[in-house]
Amino acid sequence: MPNSIKQSGQGPALQVTKEARTAGLAVEATGDELSGVERWEDLADVRVYGFNHALLVIDRDEVATENVAELVATIARDTSSIYRGENASVRPAGNGCMVSLPGLSETGLRVGDTAPAHPAPGVLFITEDTADGVRLAEDVRSIRRSQVEGG
């Protein structure tokens, strides 16, 4: 079940532990008793792009600029929108991790909304929980898998 967007001390955020691991945005350290900050060997620095009812979270160090441009252009065409991209972070939250969501208010998504996070290598695509959101997420994931496979 998708998590809801929360208000954290650093602004809106979404718990994305499983999805961030799948996307490679969060790498767990080894050790049975680790928690909090010590639990994570690597948490990605990301850039968040906003669109109507969607956010694209990109690993700044792992996704090539031309691939970012292709993903952003695809989503912008589909949603007829784009808002400023901002740097953010994946950070520890309890026994998991969350991603900051700068620019959330411009997208039409709000704190309290259920927002599925769809992972692909180096990317999370966060949408409203609708059929259109899921369809666009599958398109984005397909494009990203093709980029990674070199096609």
Protein backbone atom coordinates (compact mmCIF):
# COMPACT_ATOMS: atom_id res chain seq x y z
CA MET A 1 0.00 0.00 0.00
CA PRO A 2 1.38 3.43 -0.93
CA ASN A 3 2.44 5.80 1.82
CA SER A 4 0.96 9.23 2.44
CA ILE A 5 2.92 12.44 2.04
CA LYS A 6 3.93 13.77 5.46
CA GLN A 7 5.09 17.11 6.79
CA SER A 8 8.60 16.62 8.18
CA GLY A 9 10.87 19.11 9.92
CA GLN A 10 12.45 19.87 6.54
CA GLY A 11 9.19 20.20 4.58
CA PRO A 12 6.99 17.68 2.79
CA ALA A 13 8.41 14.17 2.44
CA LEU A 14 7.41 10.64 1.53
CA GLN A 15 8.53 7.40 3.20
CA VAL A 16 10.15 5.39 0.38
CA THR A 17 12.33 2.75 2.02
CA LYS A 18 11.56 -0.23 -0.25
CA GLU A 19 11.22 1.85 -3.38
CA ALA A 20 14.49 3.75 -2.72
CA ARG A 21 16.35 0.45 -2.24
CA THR A 22 14.88 -0.90 -5.50
CA ALA A 23 15.88 2.28 -7.38
CA GLY A 24 19.38 2.27 -5.87
CA LEU A 25 18.79 5.55 -4.03
CA ALA A 26 19.37 3.90 -0.65
CA VAL A 27 22.01 1.27 0.06
CA GLU A 28 21.86 -0.46 3.44
CA ALA A 29 24.97 -1.06 5.50
CA THR A 30 25.62 -4.56 6.78
CA GLY A 31 25.01 -5.35 10.43
CA ASP A 32 22.22 -6.90 12.42
CA GLU A 33 21.69 -4.18 15.00
CA LEU A 34 22.02 -1.07 12.82
CA SER A 35 19.28 1.56 12.81
CA GLY A 36 18.80 5.22 11.98
CA VAL A 37 21.71 6.91 10.19
CA GLU A 38 24.02 3.92 10.79
CA ARG A 39 21.65 1.65 8.86
CA TRP A 40 22.49 3.35 5.57
CA GLU A 41 25.78 3.00 3.73
CA ASP A 42 24.69 5.42 1.01
CA LEU A 43 21.71 7.75 0.55
CA ALA A 44 21.48 9.53 -2.79
CA ASP A 45 21.53 13.24 -3.43
CA VAL A 46 18.57 13.80 -5.72
CA ARG A 47 16.84 16.43 -7.81
CA VAL A 48 13.04 16.59 -7.71
CA TYR A 49 11.07 17.83 -10.73
CA GLY A 50 7.39 18.70 -10.30
CA PHE A 51 4.53 18.24 -12.73
CA ASN A 52 0.75 18.34 -12.32
CA HIS A 53 0.00 15.55 -9.83
CA ALA A 54 3.45 13.98 -10.16
CA LEU A 55 7.08 14.28 -9.02
CA LEU A 56 10.18 12.82 -10.63
CA VAL A 57 13.07 12.06 -8.23
CA ILE A 58 16.43 11.62 -10.00
CA ASP A 59 19.76 10.45 -8.55
CA ARG A 60 21.99 13.43 -9.43
CA ASP A 61 25.13 11.30 -9.62
CA GLU A 62 23.80 8.27 -11.50
CA VAL A 63 21.42 9.49 -14.22
CA ALA A 64 22.99 11.14 -17.28
CA THR A 65 21.79 14.62 -18.25
CA GLU A 66 20.41 13.47 -21.61
CA ASN A 67 18.41 10.74 -19.85
CA VAL A 68 17.03 13.25 -17.35
CA ALA A 69 16.01 15.49 -20.26
CA GLU A 70 14.18 12.64 -21.99
CA LEU A 71 12.27 11.68 -18.83
CA VAL A 72 11.38 15.27 -17.94
CA ALA A 73 10.24 16.05 -21.51
CA THR A 74 8.08 12.91 -21.65
CA ILE A 75 6.32 13.70 -18.38
CA ALA A 76 5.94 17.38 -19.26
CA ARG A 77 4.26 16.48 -22.57
CA ASP A 78 1.93 13.99 -20.90
CA THR A 79 0.92 16.29 -18.03
CA SER A 80 1.12 19.58 -19.99
CA SER A 81 3.12 20.98 -17.10
CA ILE A 82 6.54 21.37 -15.51
CA TYR A 83 7.74 23.14 -12.41
CA ARG A 84 11.24 24.06 -11.27
CA GLY A 85 13.55 21.16 -10.39
CA GLU A 86 15.15 21.43 -6.96
CA ASN A 87 17.91 19.58 -5.16
CA ALA A 88 16.75 17.37 -2.30
CA SER A 89 17.87 14.31 -0.39
CA VAL A 90 16.96 10.83 0.61
CA ARG A 91 17.41 10.76 4.40
CA PRO A 92 16.95 8.41 7.35
CA ALA A 93 13.51 8.29 8.96
CA GLY A 94 12.97 5.86 11.82
CA ASN A 95 14.08 2.45 10.56
CA GLY A 96 13.66 3.47 6.94
CA CYS A 97 14.23 6.47 4.72
CA MET A 98 12.23 9.28 3.16
CA VAL A 99 12.66 11.64 0.26
CA SER A 100 12.16 15.39 0.56
CA LEU A 101 9.59 16.82 -1.85
CA PRO A 102 10.43 20.49 -2.56
CA GLY A 103 7.90 22.20 -4.80
CA LEU A 104 5.10 19.84 -3.75
CA SER A 105 2.48 22.58 -3.49
CA GLU A 106 2.88 23.53 -7.16
CA THR A 107 1.99 20.00 -8.30
CA GLY A 108 -1.48 19.80 -6.80
CA LEU A 109 -0.37 16.98 -4.48
CA ARG A 110 -0.76 17.78 -0.79
CA VAL A 111 0.43 16.58 2.59
CA GLY A 112 -1.87 13.68 3.49
CA ASP A 113 -2.32 12.47 -0.10
CA THR A 114 -1.58 8.82 -0.82
CA ALA A 115 1.25 8.84 -3.34
CA PRO A 116 2.69 5.66 -4.85
CA ALA A 117 6.43 5.83 -5.57
CA HIS A 118 7.32 3.82 -8.68
CA PRO A 119 11.02 2.81 -8.77
CA ALA A 120 13.32 2.44 -11.76
CA PRO A 121 17.14 2.48 -11.76
CA GLY A 122 18.23 5.82 -10.27
CA VAL A 123 14.67 7.17 -10.35
CA LEU A 124 11.46 7.35 -8.33
CA PHE A 125 8.29 8.57 -10.01
CA ILE A 126 5.69 9.71 -7.48
CA THR A 127 2.13 10.12 -8.71
CA GLU A 128 -1.37 10.57 -7.48
CA ASP A 129 -3.03 7.22 -6.82
CA THR A 130 -5.09 7.07 -10.06
CA ALA A 131 -5.20 4.98 -13.22
CA ASP A 132 -3.62 7.87 -15.20
CA GLY A 133 -0.83 8.15 -12.63
CA VAL A 134 -0.10 4.42 -12.81
CA ARG A 135 -0.14 4.46 -16.62
CA LEU A 136 2.33 7.35 -16.79
CA ALA A 137 4.51 5.67 -14.15
CA GLU A 138 4.73 2.53 -16.27
CA ASP A 139 5.72 4.65 -19.29
CA VAL A 140 8.45 6.39 -17.25
CA ARG A 141 9.74 3.09 -15.86
CA SER A 142 9.83 1.58 -19.36
CA ILE A 143 11.79 4.53 -20.75
CA ARG A 144 14.25 4.39 -17.86
CA ARG A 145 14.80 0.63 -18.20
CA SER A 146 15.47 1.20 -21.91
CA GLN A 147 17.99 3.95 -21.08
CA VAL A 148 19.83 1.67 -18.67
CA GLU A 149 19.87 -1.22 -21.14
CA GLY A 150 21.35 1.12 -23.74
CA GLY A 151 18.37 1.09 -26.06
